[in-house]
N, C-alpha and C. Protein backbone atom coordinates (compact mmCIF):
# COMPACT_ATOMS: atom_id res chain seq x y z
N MET A 1 0.85 -1.19 0.02
CA MET A 1 -0.01 -0.01 0.00
C MET A 1 0.89 1.25 -0.01
N ALA A 2 0.48 2.22 -0.77
CA ALA A 2 1.28 3.48 -0.89
C ALA A 2 0.69 4.58 -0.03
N THR A 3 1.56 5.38 0.57
CA THR A 3 1.13 6.52 1.31
C THR A 3 0.82 7.65 0.28
N ALA A 4 0.17 8.73 0.74
CA ALA A 4 -0.12 9.81 -0.13
C ALA A 4 1.09 10.41 -0.78
N GLN A 5 2.19 10.42 -0.08
CA GLN A 5 3.42 10.98 -0.60
C GLN A 5 4.01 10.07 -1.65
N ASP A 6 3.85 8.76 -1.55
CA ASP A 6 4.37 7.80 -2.51
C ASP A 6 3.50 7.59 -3.70
N ARG A 7 2.29 8.12 -3.66
CA ARG A 7 1.32 7.86 -4.73
C ARG A 7 1.81 8.20 -6.14
N ASP A 8 2.27 9.44 -6.24
CA ASP A 8 2.70 9.86 -7.60
C ASP A 8 3.88 9.04 -8.11
N LEU A 9 4.82 8.72 -7.21
CA LEU A 9 5.99 7.94 -7.60
C LEU A 9 5.59 6.52 -8.05
N LEU A 10 4.63 5.93 -7.27
CA LEU A 10 4.19 4.57 -7.58
C LEU A 10 3.43 4.56 -8.90
N LEU A 11 2.55 5.55 -9.11
CA LEU A 11 1.83 5.63 -10.41
C LEU A 11 2.78 5.73 -11.55
N GLU A 12 3.84 6.55 -11.41
CA GLU A 12 4.82 6.73 -12.48
C GLU A 12 5.58 5.42 -12.68
N LYS A 13 5.96 4.76 -11.58
CA LYS A 13 6.77 3.50 -11.73
C LYS A 13 5.96 2.42 -12.42
N LEU A 14 4.67 2.36 -12.15
CA LEU A 14 3.78 1.33 -12.76
C LEU A 14 3.34 1.75 -14.14
N GLY A 15 3.63 2.98 -14.56
CA GLY A 15 3.19 3.43 -15.89
C GLY A 15 1.70 3.77 -15.98
N LEU A 16 1.16 4.14 -14.80
CA LEU A 16 -0.27 4.51 -14.72
C LEU A 16 -0.51 6.01 -14.63
N ASP A 17 0.52 6.81 -14.87
CA ASP A 17 0.42 8.22 -14.66
C ASP A 17 0.25 9.01 -16.00
N GLY A 18 0.06 8.31 -17.07
CA GLY A 18 -0.10 9.06 -18.33
C GLY A 18 -0.65 8.11 -19.40
N GLN A 19 -0.93 8.73 -20.52
CA GLN A 19 -1.50 8.08 -21.68
C GLN A 19 -0.46 7.17 -22.35
N ASN A 20 -0.90 6.03 -22.80
CA ASN A 20 -0.17 5.09 -23.59
C ASN A 20 1.14 4.57 -22.93
N LYS A 21 1.07 4.39 -21.63
CA LYS A 21 2.16 3.72 -20.92
C LYS A 21 1.68 2.30 -20.57
N ALA A 22 1.37 2.00 -19.33
CA ALA A 22 0.86 0.69 -18.98
C ALA A 22 -0.61 0.55 -19.37
N ALA A 23 -1.28 1.65 -19.52
CA ALA A 23 -2.68 1.59 -19.95
C ALA A 23 -2.91 2.66 -21.02
N LEU A 24 -4.11 2.69 -21.62
CA LEU A 24 -4.42 3.70 -22.63
C LEU A 24 -4.47 5.11 -22.04
N GLY A 25 -4.85 5.23 -20.77
CA GLY A 25 -4.97 6.52 -20.15
C GLY A 25 -4.63 6.50 -18.70
N LYS A 26 -4.96 7.58 -17.99
CA LYS A 26 -4.69 7.63 -16.57
C LYS A 26 -5.70 6.80 -15.79
N VAL A 27 -5.28 6.34 -14.63
CA VAL A 27 -6.24 5.67 -13.70
C VAL A 27 -7.21 6.71 -13.26
N LEU A 28 -8.50 6.33 -13.13
CA LEU A 28 -9.53 7.28 -12.79
C LEU A 28 -9.22 8.13 -11.52
N ASN A 29 -9.42 9.40 -11.65
CA ASN A 29 -9.27 10.35 -10.57
C ASN A 29 -7.94 10.31 -9.89
N THR A 30 -6.90 10.14 -10.65
CA THR A 30 -5.55 10.28 -10.10
C THR A 30 -4.90 11.64 -10.47
N GLY A 31 -5.75 12.49 -10.95
CA GLY A 31 -5.24 13.83 -11.26
C GLY A 31 -5.25 14.76 -10.07
N ASN A 32 -5.23 16.06 -10.36
CA ASN A 32 -5.17 17.05 -9.27
C ASN A 32 -6.53 17.24 -8.59
N ILE A 33 -6.45 17.88 -7.44
CA ILE A 33 -7.67 18.27 -6.69
C ILE A 33 -7.71 19.76 -6.65
N GLY A 34 -8.87 20.37 -6.97
CA GLY A 34 -9.04 21.78 -6.96
C GLY A 34 -10.21 22.21 -6.16
N GLN A 35 -10.25 23.53 -5.78
CA GLN A 35 -11.39 24.08 -5.06
C GLN A 35 -11.98 25.21 -5.80
N ALA A 36 -13.30 25.29 -5.83
CA ALA A 36 -13.99 26.35 -6.46
C ALA A 36 -13.82 27.64 -5.58
N THR A 37 -13.86 28.79 -6.27
CA THR A 37 -13.79 30.00 -5.47
C THR A 37 -15.21 30.56 -5.38
N GLU A 38 -15.49 31.32 -4.35
CA GLU A 38 -16.84 31.79 -4.15
C GLU A 38 -16.85 33.32 -4.31
N ARG A 39 -17.84 33.77 -5.10
CA ARG A 39 -18.02 35.21 -5.31
C ARG A 39 -18.81 35.80 -4.16
N ALA A 40 -18.86 37.11 -4.12
CA ALA A 40 -19.61 37.81 -3.09
C ALA A 40 -21.10 37.44 -3.07
N ASP A 41 -21.69 37.10 -4.24
CA ASP A 41 -23.08 36.76 -4.33
C ASP A 41 -23.38 35.27 -3.97
N GLY A 42 -22.34 34.53 -3.61
CA GLY A 42 -22.52 33.15 -3.23
C GLY A 42 -22.30 32.15 -4.40
N THR A 43 -22.30 32.67 -5.59
CA THR A 43 -22.04 31.79 -6.79
C THR A 43 -20.59 31.34 -6.78
N MET A 44 -20.32 30.09 -7.13
CA MET A 44 -18.98 29.60 -7.14
C MET A 44 -18.49 29.59 -8.61
N GLU A 45 -17.18 29.54 -8.79
CA GLU A 45 -16.62 29.43 -10.11
C GLU A 45 -15.35 28.58 -10.08
N ALA A 46 -15.07 27.92 -11.23
CA ALA A 46 -13.89 27.10 -11.34
C ALA A 46 -13.57 26.85 -12.79
N THR A 47 -12.28 26.55 -13.04
CA THR A 47 -11.84 26.20 -14.38
C THR A 47 -11.32 24.77 -14.38
N ILE A 48 -11.78 24.02 -15.32
CA ILE A 48 -11.33 22.61 -15.53
C ILE A 48 -10.82 22.50 -16.92
N ARG A 49 -9.60 21.87 -17.10
CA ARG A 49 -9.08 21.78 -18.43
C ARG A 49 -8.63 20.38 -18.73
N ILE A 50 -8.45 20.11 -20.00
CA ILE A 50 -7.87 18.87 -20.53
C ILE A 50 -6.49 19.26 -21.04
N GLN A 51 -5.41 18.75 -20.40
CA GLN A 51 -4.09 19.05 -20.86
C GLN A 51 -3.75 18.23 -22.08
N PRO A 52 -2.80 18.69 -22.90
CA PRO A 52 -2.45 17.93 -24.11
C PRO A 52 -1.91 16.53 -23.77
N ASP A 53 -2.46 15.54 -24.44
CA ASP A 53 -2.04 14.13 -24.37
C ASP A 53 -2.13 13.54 -23.00
N GLU A 54 -2.99 14.05 -22.12
CA GLU A 54 -3.11 13.43 -20.80
C GLU A 54 -4.43 12.69 -20.56
N ILE A 55 -5.48 12.93 -21.34
CA ILE A 55 -6.78 12.25 -21.19
C ILE A 55 -7.19 12.24 -19.71
N CYS A 56 -7.16 13.45 -19.13
CA CYS A 56 -7.50 13.60 -17.70
C CYS A 56 -7.98 15.01 -17.47
N TRP A 57 -9.05 15.16 -16.75
CA TRP A 57 -9.46 16.51 -16.37
C TRP A 57 -8.51 17.07 -15.34
N ASP A 58 -8.29 18.39 -15.37
CA ASP A 58 -7.39 19.02 -14.44
C ASP A 58 -8.05 20.25 -13.87
N PRO A 59 -8.52 20.16 -12.60
CA PRO A 59 -8.44 19.10 -11.69
C PRO A 59 -9.49 18.02 -12.02
N SER A 60 -9.12 16.75 -11.63
CA SER A 60 -10.09 15.69 -11.85
C SER A 60 -11.09 15.57 -10.66
N ILE A 61 -10.76 16.21 -9.54
CA ILE A 61 -11.64 16.27 -8.43
C ILE A 61 -11.79 17.74 -8.04
N LEU A 62 -12.98 18.28 -8.16
CA LEU A 62 -13.29 19.68 -7.80
C LEU A 62 -14.15 19.71 -6.57
N VAL A 63 -13.77 20.51 -5.60
CA VAL A 63 -14.46 20.60 -4.32
C VAL A 63 -15.19 21.92 -4.21
N LEU A 64 -16.49 21.88 -3.93
CA LEU A 64 -17.29 23.06 -3.69
C LEU A 64 -17.55 23.20 -2.20
N PRO A 65 -17.44 24.40 -1.60
CA PRO A 65 -17.60 24.50 -0.19
C PRO A 65 -19.05 24.29 0.30
N HIS A 66 -19.99 24.41 -0.61
CA HIS A 66 -21.40 24.18 -0.27
C HIS A 66 -22.22 23.99 -1.49
N GLY A 67 -23.47 23.61 -1.35
CA GLY A 67 -24.35 23.43 -2.55
C GLY A 67 -24.72 24.83 -3.12
N GLY A 68 -25.12 24.79 -4.37
CA GLY A 68 -25.60 26.04 -5.03
C GLY A 68 -25.17 26.05 -6.48
N ASP A 69 -25.08 27.29 -6.99
CA ASP A 69 -24.72 27.40 -8.41
C ASP A 69 -23.20 27.52 -8.54
N VAL A 70 -22.67 26.91 -9.59
CA VAL A 70 -21.28 26.98 -9.93
C VAL A 70 -21.14 27.23 -11.43
N GLU A 71 -20.31 28.22 -11.75
CA GLU A 71 -20.01 28.46 -13.16
C GLU A 71 -18.66 27.80 -13.53
N LEU A 72 -18.71 26.87 -14.39
CA LEU A 72 -17.50 26.16 -14.81
C LEU A 72 -17.02 26.68 -16.16
N THR A 73 -15.72 26.87 -16.26
CA THR A 73 -15.06 27.11 -17.57
C THR A 73 -14.34 25.85 -17.91
N LEU A 74 -14.60 25.30 -19.05
CA LEU A 74 -13.97 24.04 -19.50
C LEU A 74 -13.10 24.37 -20.69
N ILE A 75 -11.84 23.97 -20.60
CA ILE A 75 -10.83 24.24 -21.66
C ILE A 75 -10.25 22.96 -22.16
N ASN A 76 -10.31 22.75 -23.47
CA ASN A 76 -9.68 21.62 -24.09
C ASN A 76 -8.38 22.04 -24.80
N ASP A 77 -7.26 21.75 -24.12
CA ASP A 77 -5.94 22.09 -24.70
C ASP A 77 -5.43 20.94 -25.52
N ASP A 78 -6.16 19.80 -25.61
CA ASP A 78 -5.70 18.62 -26.32
C ASP A 78 -5.85 18.76 -27.87
N LEU A 79 -5.18 17.95 -28.61
CA LEU A 79 -5.26 17.96 -30.04
C LEU A 79 -6.48 17.21 -30.58
N ASN A 80 -7.20 16.53 -29.65
CA ASN A 80 -8.41 15.77 -30.03
C ASN A 80 -9.70 16.44 -29.47
N THR A 81 -10.77 16.10 -30.11
CA THR A 81 -12.04 16.59 -29.73
C THR A 81 -12.61 15.76 -28.56
N HIS A 82 -13.14 16.45 -27.57
CA HIS A 82 -13.72 15.82 -26.40
C HIS A 82 -15.07 16.53 -26.14
N CYS A 83 -15.71 16.09 -25.09
CA CYS A 83 -16.97 16.76 -24.67
C CYS A 83 -17.01 16.73 -23.15
N ALA A 84 -18.02 17.33 -22.60
CA ALA A 84 -18.27 17.29 -21.17
C ALA A 84 -19.74 16.99 -20.90
N LEU A 85 -20.05 15.97 -20.18
CA LEU A 85 -21.39 15.68 -19.71
C LEU A 85 -21.37 15.91 -18.20
N LEU A 86 -22.03 16.94 -17.81
CA LEU A 86 -21.92 17.48 -16.45
C LEU A 86 -23.28 17.32 -15.67
N PRO A 87 -23.18 17.09 -14.38
CA PRO A 87 -24.37 16.98 -13.54
C PRO A 87 -24.93 18.35 -13.24
N SER A 88 -26.27 18.39 -13.10
CA SER A 88 -26.92 19.63 -12.66
C SER A 88 -28.39 19.23 -12.31
N ASN A 89 -28.90 19.85 -11.23
CA ASN A 89 -30.24 19.56 -10.85
C ASN A 89 -31.22 19.93 -11.95
N GLY A 90 -32.14 19.02 -12.23
CA GLY A 90 -33.09 19.25 -13.27
C GLY A 90 -32.69 18.62 -14.55
N ASP A 91 -31.46 18.76 -15.02
CA ASP A 91 -31.01 18.11 -16.27
C ASP A 91 -29.53 18.26 -16.34
N ARG A 92 -28.88 17.24 -16.99
CA ARG A 92 -27.43 17.32 -17.18
C ARG A 92 -27.14 18.32 -18.29
N LYS A 93 -25.87 18.80 -18.28
CA LYS A 93 -25.39 19.75 -19.26
C LYS A 93 -24.39 19.07 -20.22
N PHE A 94 -24.46 19.34 -21.46
CA PHE A 94 -23.54 18.76 -22.45
C PHE A 94 -22.83 19.85 -23.18
N ILE A 95 -21.52 19.81 -23.23
CA ILE A 95 -20.69 20.81 -23.96
C ILE A 95 -19.75 20.05 -24.89
N TRP A 96 -19.80 20.42 -26.16
CA TRP A 96 -18.89 19.87 -27.13
C TRP A 96 -17.63 20.68 -27.11
N LEU A 97 -16.41 20.04 -26.98
CA LEU A 97 -15.16 20.70 -26.89
C LEU A 97 -14.24 20.27 -27.99
N VAL A 98 -14.28 20.93 -29.11
CA VAL A 98 -13.30 20.65 -30.20
C VAL A 98 -11.91 20.94 -29.75
N ASN A 99 -10.92 20.50 -30.43
CA ASN A 99 -9.54 20.72 -29.98
C ASN A 99 -9.30 22.27 -29.87
N HIS A 100 -8.57 22.61 -28.80
CA HIS A 100 -8.18 24.00 -28.47
C HIS A 100 -9.43 24.88 -28.39
N SER A 101 -10.40 24.47 -27.63
CA SER A 101 -11.61 25.30 -27.46
C SER A 101 -11.94 25.51 -25.98
N LYS A 102 -12.94 26.34 -25.74
CA LYS A 102 -13.37 26.68 -24.40
C LYS A 102 -14.84 26.74 -24.36
N GLY A 103 -15.45 26.24 -23.29
CA GLY A 103 -16.89 26.32 -23.11
C GLY A 103 -17.22 26.68 -21.68
N ARG A 104 -18.46 27.11 -21.47
CA ARG A 104 -18.93 27.50 -20.09
C ARG A 104 -20.24 26.74 -19.80
N ALA A 105 -20.40 26.37 -18.52
CA ALA A 105 -21.63 25.75 -18.07
C ALA A 105 -21.95 26.26 -16.70
N THR A 106 -23.22 26.52 -16.47
CA THR A 106 -23.69 26.91 -15.13
C THR A 106 -24.44 25.73 -14.56
N LEU A 107 -23.95 25.16 -13.45
CA LEU A 107 -24.59 23.97 -12.83
C LEU A 107 -25.24 24.39 -11.52
N ASN A 108 -26.31 23.68 -11.17
CA ASN A 108 -26.88 23.84 -9.89
C ASN A 108 -26.84 22.50 -9.18
N LEU A 109 -26.00 22.44 -8.12
CA LEU A 109 -25.79 21.22 -7.28
C LEU A 109 -26.14 21.66 -5.87
N ASP A 110 -27.38 21.43 -5.47
CA ASP A 110 -27.88 22.02 -4.21
C ASP A 110 -27.66 21.13 -2.99
N GLY A 111 -27.17 19.88 -3.15
CA GLY A 111 -27.03 19.08 -1.94
C GLY A 111 -25.61 18.48 -1.87
N PRO A 112 -25.20 18.18 -0.64
CA PRO A 112 -23.81 17.63 -0.49
C PRO A 112 -23.75 16.25 -1.12
N GLY A 113 -22.54 15.91 -1.57
CA GLY A 113 -22.35 14.60 -2.09
C GLY A 113 -21.30 14.60 -3.21
N TYR A 114 -21.23 13.45 -3.92
CA TYR A 114 -20.33 13.31 -5.01
C TYR A 114 -21.16 13.34 -6.32
N TYR A 115 -20.66 14.10 -7.27
CA TYR A 115 -21.29 14.20 -8.58
C TYR A 115 -20.23 13.87 -9.60
N TRP A 116 -20.56 12.99 -10.54
CA TRP A 116 -19.58 12.50 -11.54
C TRP A 116 -19.79 13.23 -12.87
N PHE A 117 -18.67 13.51 -13.54
CA PHE A 117 -18.76 14.05 -14.91
C PHE A 117 -17.77 13.35 -15.82
N SER A 118 -17.93 13.46 -17.11
CA SER A 118 -17.09 12.69 -18.02
C SER A 118 -17.13 13.26 -19.43
N SER A 119 -16.38 12.64 -20.29
CA SER A 119 -16.46 12.89 -21.72
C SER A 119 -16.87 11.56 -22.34
N PRO A 120 -18.22 11.34 -22.66
CA PRO A 120 -18.65 10.10 -23.19
C PRO A 120 -18.40 9.84 -24.64
N THR A 121 -17.67 10.71 -25.32
CA THR A 121 -17.38 10.54 -26.76
C THR A 121 -16.20 9.52 -26.92
N GLY A 122 -16.30 8.77 -27.99
CA GLY A 122 -15.24 7.75 -28.31
C GLY A 122 -15.05 6.85 -27.07
N ASN A 123 -13.84 6.64 -26.67
CA ASN A 123 -13.52 5.82 -25.51
C ASN A 123 -12.86 6.70 -24.44
N ASP A 124 -13.24 7.96 -24.36
CA ASP A 124 -12.65 8.90 -23.38
C ASP A 124 -12.84 8.41 -21.96
N GLU A 125 -14.01 7.94 -21.59
CA GLU A 125 -14.25 7.50 -20.25
C GLU A 125 -13.40 6.29 -19.97
N GLY A 126 -13.31 5.36 -20.85
CA GLY A 126 -12.45 4.16 -20.66
C GLY A 126 -10.98 4.49 -20.52
N ARG A 127 -10.59 5.62 -21.08
CA ARG A 127 -9.18 6.06 -21.04
C ARG A 127 -8.90 6.98 -19.88
N GLY A 128 -9.88 7.30 -19.03
CA GLY A 128 -9.63 8.08 -17.83
C GLY A 128 -10.23 9.45 -17.80
N LEU A 129 -10.95 9.87 -18.81
CA LEU A 129 -11.48 11.24 -18.80
C LEU A 129 -12.82 11.31 -18.05
N THR A 130 -12.76 11.06 -16.74
CA THR A 130 -13.81 11.17 -15.84
C THR A 130 -13.41 12.03 -14.62
N GLY A 131 -14.35 12.63 -13.99
CA GLY A 131 -14.01 13.49 -12.88
C GLY A 131 -15.16 13.50 -11.84
N THR A 132 -14.86 14.15 -10.74
CA THR A 132 -15.81 14.22 -9.62
C THR A 132 -15.92 15.63 -9.11
N ILE A 133 -17.17 16.03 -8.83
CA ILE A 133 -17.37 17.29 -8.13
C ILE A 133 -17.86 16.92 -6.72
N VAL A 134 -17.18 17.31 -5.73
CA VAL A 134 -17.53 17.01 -4.36
C VAL A 134 -18.17 18.25 -3.74
N VAL A 135 -19.40 18.15 -3.31
CA VAL A 135 -20.08 19.27 -2.65
C VAL A 135 -20.10 19.02 -1.11
N LEU A 136 -19.45 19.94 -0.36
CA LEU A 136 -19.38 19.77 1.10
C LEU A 136 -20.65 20.36 1.73
N GLY A 137 -20.85 20.01 2.99
CA GLY A 137 -21.97 20.61 3.75
C GLY A 137 -22.90 19.51 4.26
N ASP A 138 -23.91 19.94 5.02
CA ASP A 138 -24.86 19.06 5.60
C ASP A 138 -26.16 19.04 4.77
N VAL A 139 -26.89 17.97 4.93
CA VAL A 139 -28.17 17.84 4.29
C VAL A 139 -29.15 18.83 5.05
N PRO A 140 -30.00 19.58 4.30
CA PRO A 140 -30.92 20.40 4.98
C PRO A 140 -31.81 19.66 5.96
N PRO A 141 -32.31 20.26 7.01
CA PRO A 141 -33.12 19.58 8.01
C PRO A 141 -34.33 18.85 7.44
N GLU A 142 -34.98 19.44 6.44
CA GLU A 142 -36.21 18.82 5.91
C GLU A 142 -35.87 17.58 5.10
N ALA A 143 -34.63 17.35 4.77
CA ALA A 143 -34.28 16.13 3.92
C ALA A 143 -33.59 15.09 4.80
N ARG A 144 -33.46 15.29 6.06
CA ARG A 144 -32.79 14.31 6.95
C ARG A 144 -33.76 13.14 7.29
N LEU A 145 -33.16 11.99 7.46
CA LEU A 145 -33.95 10.87 7.84
C LEU A 145 -34.26 10.94 9.34
N ASP A 146 -35.38 10.28 9.71
CA ASP A 146 -35.82 10.24 11.05
C ASP A 146 -35.08 9.14 11.74
N ARG A 147 -33.90 9.43 12.30
CA ARG A 147 -33.08 8.48 12.94
C ARG A 147 -32.31 9.17 14.05
N PRO A 148 -31.71 8.35 14.98
CA PRO A 148 -30.93 8.99 16.07
C PRO A 148 -29.73 9.79 15.53
N PRO A 149 -29.25 10.75 16.29
CA PRO A 149 -28.06 11.50 15.83
C PRO A 149 -26.88 10.58 15.60
N GLN A 150 -26.15 10.90 14.56
CA GLN A 150 -24.96 10.05 14.23
C GLN A 150 -23.72 10.72 14.69
N PRO A 151 -22.64 9.91 15.01
CA PRO A 151 -21.37 10.53 15.38
C PRO A 151 -20.83 11.37 14.26
N ARG A 152 -20.21 12.48 14.60
CA ARG A 152 -19.65 13.44 13.57
C ARG A 152 -18.13 13.43 13.75
N PRO A 153 -17.41 13.53 12.64
CA PRO A 153 -15.96 13.57 12.72
C PRO A 153 -15.48 14.86 13.43
């Protein structure tokens, strides 16, 4: 088992840190972790990009401090065409990202939890172009289950 400090070295040694080494792409969610910034009005914003020849979102894990609206800027710096299928309350968002292009999406993620996004074109998902949006916070009182209080970290 590898510690967090050894993770990058082990991924490199095994050839799992990039495209066309031990596998076609990166191991899922082994990329960077980023945090959205919050504007004065409570709306959050973040930029996610695809680096050239990496087949990985950067960051591949985006953390939001709370539920609400987030404006994402998606940048495709790769030489290949990709897309983004993003979660949002009510309906998912789809953005086509031709090579060297940029797109914007406004998402509403009102509850805490993990939300997955990907590029379902070609075999992008199978090669590692998947990501996670983690929304921090507690479930609102009206959505809580009727059960005894649970231990908190």
